[in-house]
Amino acid sequence: MTDSRSDVTRYAFRLLSYRGRSENELRERLARKGFSADAVSRTLLHLKEAGFIDDAALALDLKRQALGQKKLGYGAARSFMQKRGLPRNLVEATLGYDEDVELDNARDLLRKKRKCVENYLTTKEKKRLYDYLSRRGFSASVISKVLRDFESDEREEG
């Protein structure tokens, strides 16, 4: 593979045209394509200075996706962002922790599942809902609170 700056830049722009990428993610993809480390570093520096790579902006966008659209818990949101190559300290600073947001997301997911669940939860159904929320990255304390609220709402309606 040729290491001309235009080839590396062209390939980097092609990758960025599909979706936003972190600096680490882009570095990894360019290296995998066979470009030299020096050419990759120079290209990434140029793209960063030009504003095409911005890890902080990407972190905010991924937070919005994870918590707002996908309704993930903070554990899964953290993992989602780190898989995209963002540094741990940036992920932690961007995410923060807000129990109210996590509770709201868990409640929203349970409301969606509510259509599938009868009025009173059996032990097996509780376990399924617990496991579902756990896989979505919610903490045990949040899941317990939401399930208690869910059961008390069901009793009031029933």
Protein backbone atom coordinates (compact mmCIF):
# COMPACT_ATOMS: atom_id res chain seq x y z
CA MET A 1 0.00 0.00 0.00
CA THR A 2 1.30 3.45 -0.83
CA ASP A 3 1.83 5.83 2.03
CA SER A 4 1.15 9.10 0.26
CA ARG A 5 -0.60 11.59 2.46
CA SER A 6 -3.45 11.95 0.00
CA ASP A 7 -4.15 8.19 0.07
CA VAL A 8 -4.25 8.10 3.86
CA THR A 9 -6.39 11.25 4.01
CA ARG A 10 -8.76 10.00 1.33
CA TYR A 11 -9.29 6.72 3.17
CA ALA A 12 -9.76 8.55 6.50
CA PHE A 13 -12.40 10.80 4.93
CA ARG A 14 -14.15 7.78 3.50
CA LEU A 15 -14.32 6.22 6.98
CA LEU A 16 -15.54 9.50 8.48
CA SER A 17 -18.23 9.84 5.83
CA TYR A 18 -20.01 6.76 7.19
CA ARG A 19 -20.08 7.90 10.84
CA GLY A 20 -18.13 9.82 13.42
CA ARG A 21 -15.06 8.04 14.71
CA SER A 22 -12.74 8.55 17.64
CA GLU A 23 -9.07 9.24 17.09
CA ASN A 24 -8.15 5.78 18.41
CA GLU A 25 -10.74 4.06 16.22
CA LEU A 26 -9.52 5.90 13.12
CA ARG A 27 -5.86 5.19 13.97
CA GLU A 28 -6.67 1.49 14.30
CA ARG A 29 -8.56 1.34 11.01
CA LEU A 30 -5.83 3.18 9.07
CA ALA A 31 -3.11 0.93 10.53
CA ARG A 32 -5.18 -2.15 9.67
CA LYS A 33 -5.39 -0.88 6.08
CA GLY A 34 -1.56 -0.99 5.97
CA PHE A 35 -0.55 2.65 6.23
CA SER A 36 2.64 3.44 8.14
CA ALA A 37 2.39 4.73 11.70
CA ASP A 38 4.09 8.00 10.71
CA ALA A 39 1.65 8.66 7.84
CA VAL A 40 -1.31 7.83 10.09
CA SER A 41 -0.07 10.16 12.86
CA ARG A 42 0.47 13.06 10.46
CA THR A 43 -2.96 12.56 8.89
CA LEU A 44 -4.72 12.33 12.25
CA LEU A 45 -2.98 15.48 13.46
CA HIS A 46 -4.09 17.31 10.31
CA LEU A 47 -7.69 16.05 10.65
CA LYS A 48 -7.77 16.96 14.33
CA GLU A 49 -6.50 20.49 13.67
CA ALA A 50 -9.08 20.90 10.90
CA GLY A 51 -11.86 19.79 13.25
CA PHE A 52 -12.80 16.55 11.52
CA ILE A 53 -11.89 14.48 14.58
CA ASP A 54 -13.30 15.62 17.93
CA ASP A 55 -13.47 12.96 20.63
CA ALA A 56 -15.35 15.25 23.05
CA ALA A 57 -18.13 15.95 20.53
CA LEU A 58 -18.31 12.27 19.64
CA ALA A 59 -18.60 11.38 23.33
CA LEU A 60 -21.58 13.73 23.73
CA ASP A 61 -23.25 12.27 20.65
CA LEU A 62 -22.70 8.70 21.83
CA LYS A 63 -24.06 9.60 25.28
CA ARG A 64 -27.20 10.96 23.64
CA GLN A 65 -27.56 7.78 21.58
CA ALA A 66 -26.92 5.41 24.48
CA LEU A 67 -29.09 7.08 27.11
CA GLY A 68 -31.67 8.84 24.95
CA GLN A 69 -32.31 6.54 22.00
CA LYS A 70 -31.16 3.11 23.10
CA LYS A 71 -32.28 3.60 26.73
CA LEU A 72 -29.18 1.88 28.09
CA GLY A 73 -28.12 1.93 31.71
CA TYR A 74 -24.87 3.66 32.63
CA GLY A 75 -22.86 0.44 32.65
CA ALA A 76 -23.87 -0.41 29.11
CA ALA A 77 -23.51 3.22 27.98
CA ARG A 78 -19.95 3.29 29.33
CA SER A 79 -19.14 0.06 27.50
CA PHE A 80 -20.80 1.33 24.30
CA MET A 81 -18.65 4.46 24.33
CA GLN A 82 -15.41 2.68 25.19
CA LYS A 83 -15.93 0.18 22.36
CA ARG A 84 -15.86 3.15 20.01
CA GLY A 85 -12.30 3.93 21.12
CA LEU A 86 -12.95 6.82 23.49
CA PRO A 87 -10.56 7.15 26.44
CA ARG A 88 -11.96 6.04 29.79
CA ASN A 89 -11.48 9.43 31.46
CA LEU A 90 -13.40 11.20 28.67
CA VAL A 91 -16.21 8.64 28.89
CA GLU A 92 -16.48 9.07 32.67
CA ALA A 93 -16.41 12.87 32.43
CA THR A 94 -19.04 12.92 29.70
CA LEU A 95 -21.41 10.39 31.22
CA GLY A 96 -21.44 11.49 34.82
CA TYR A 97 -24.13 9.67 36.77
CA ASP A 98 -27.72 10.72 37.22
CA GLU A 99 -29.88 8.15 38.97
CA ASP A 100 -33.06 9.90 37.82
CA VAL A 101 -32.11 9.43 34.16
CA GLU A 102 -31.28 5.79 34.78
CA LEU A 103 -34.55 5.22 36.64
CA ASP A 104 -36.52 6.92 33.86
CA ASN A 105 -34.85 4.76 31.21
CA ALA A 106 -35.54 1.58 33.18
CA ARG A 107 -39.18 2.62 33.70
CA ASP A 108 -39.58 3.33 29.99
CA LEU A 109 -38.25 -0.12 29.12
CA LEU A 110 -40.57 -1.75 31.65
CA ARG A 111 -43.55 0.15 30.22
CA LYS A 112 -42.73 -1.31 26.83
CA LYS A 113 -42.47 -4.79 28.33
CA ARG A 114 -45.66 -4.23 30.33
CA LYS A 115 -47.75 -5.15 27.32
CA CYS A 116 -46.32 -8.65 27.53
CA VAL A 117 -46.75 -9.07 31.29
CA GLU A 118 -49.98 -9.96 33.11
CA ASN A 119 -51.26 -7.87 36.03
CA TYR A 120 -49.27 -9.64 38.73
CA LEU A 121 -45.67 -10.70 38.29
CA THR A 122 -44.71 -14.26 39.01
CA THR A 123 -41.24 -14.99 40.33
CA LYS A 124 -40.20 -16.20 36.89
CA GLU A 125 -41.47 -13.00 35.22
CA LYS A 126 -39.65 -10.86 37.80
CA LYS A 127 -36.44 -12.75 37.06
CA ARG A 128 -36.90 -12.23 33.32
CA LEU A 129 -37.47 -8.50 33.75
CA TYR A 130 -34.50 -8.26 36.13
CA ASP A 131 -32.25 -10.07 33.65
CA TYR A 132 -33.52 -7.92 30.76
CA LEU A 133 -32.70 -4.69 32.59
CA SER A 134 -29.38 -6.09 33.76
CA ARG A 135 -28.38 -6.87 30.18
CA ARG A 136 -29.27 -3.28 29.29
CA GLY A 137 -26.66 -2.10 31.80
CA PHE A 138 -28.76 -1.01 34.76
CA SER A 139 -27.45 -1.40 38.29
CA ALA A 140 -29.04 -3.83 40.73
CA SER A 141 -30.31 -1.02 42.98
CA VAL A 142 -32.02 0.75 40.08
CA ILE A 143 -33.60 -2.49 38.87
CA SER A 144 -34.91 -3.29 42.35
CA LYS A 145 -36.45 0.19 42.71
CA VAL A 146 -38.10 0.05 39.31
CA LEU A 147 -39.49 -3.45 39.85
CA ARG A 148 -40.89 -2.41 43.26
CA ASP A 149 -42.53 0.64 41.65
CA PHE A 150 -43.82 -1.52 38.82
CA GLU A 151 -45.40 -4.01 41.23
CA SER A 152 -46.99 -1.29 43.36
CA ASP A 153 -48.44 0.36 40.22
CA GLU A 154 -49.85 -2.98 39.15
CA ARG A 155 -51.52 -3.53 42.54
CA GLU A 156 -53.06 -0.04 42.48
CA GLU A 157 -54.48 -0.59 38.98
CA GLY A 158 -55.60 -4.16 39.66
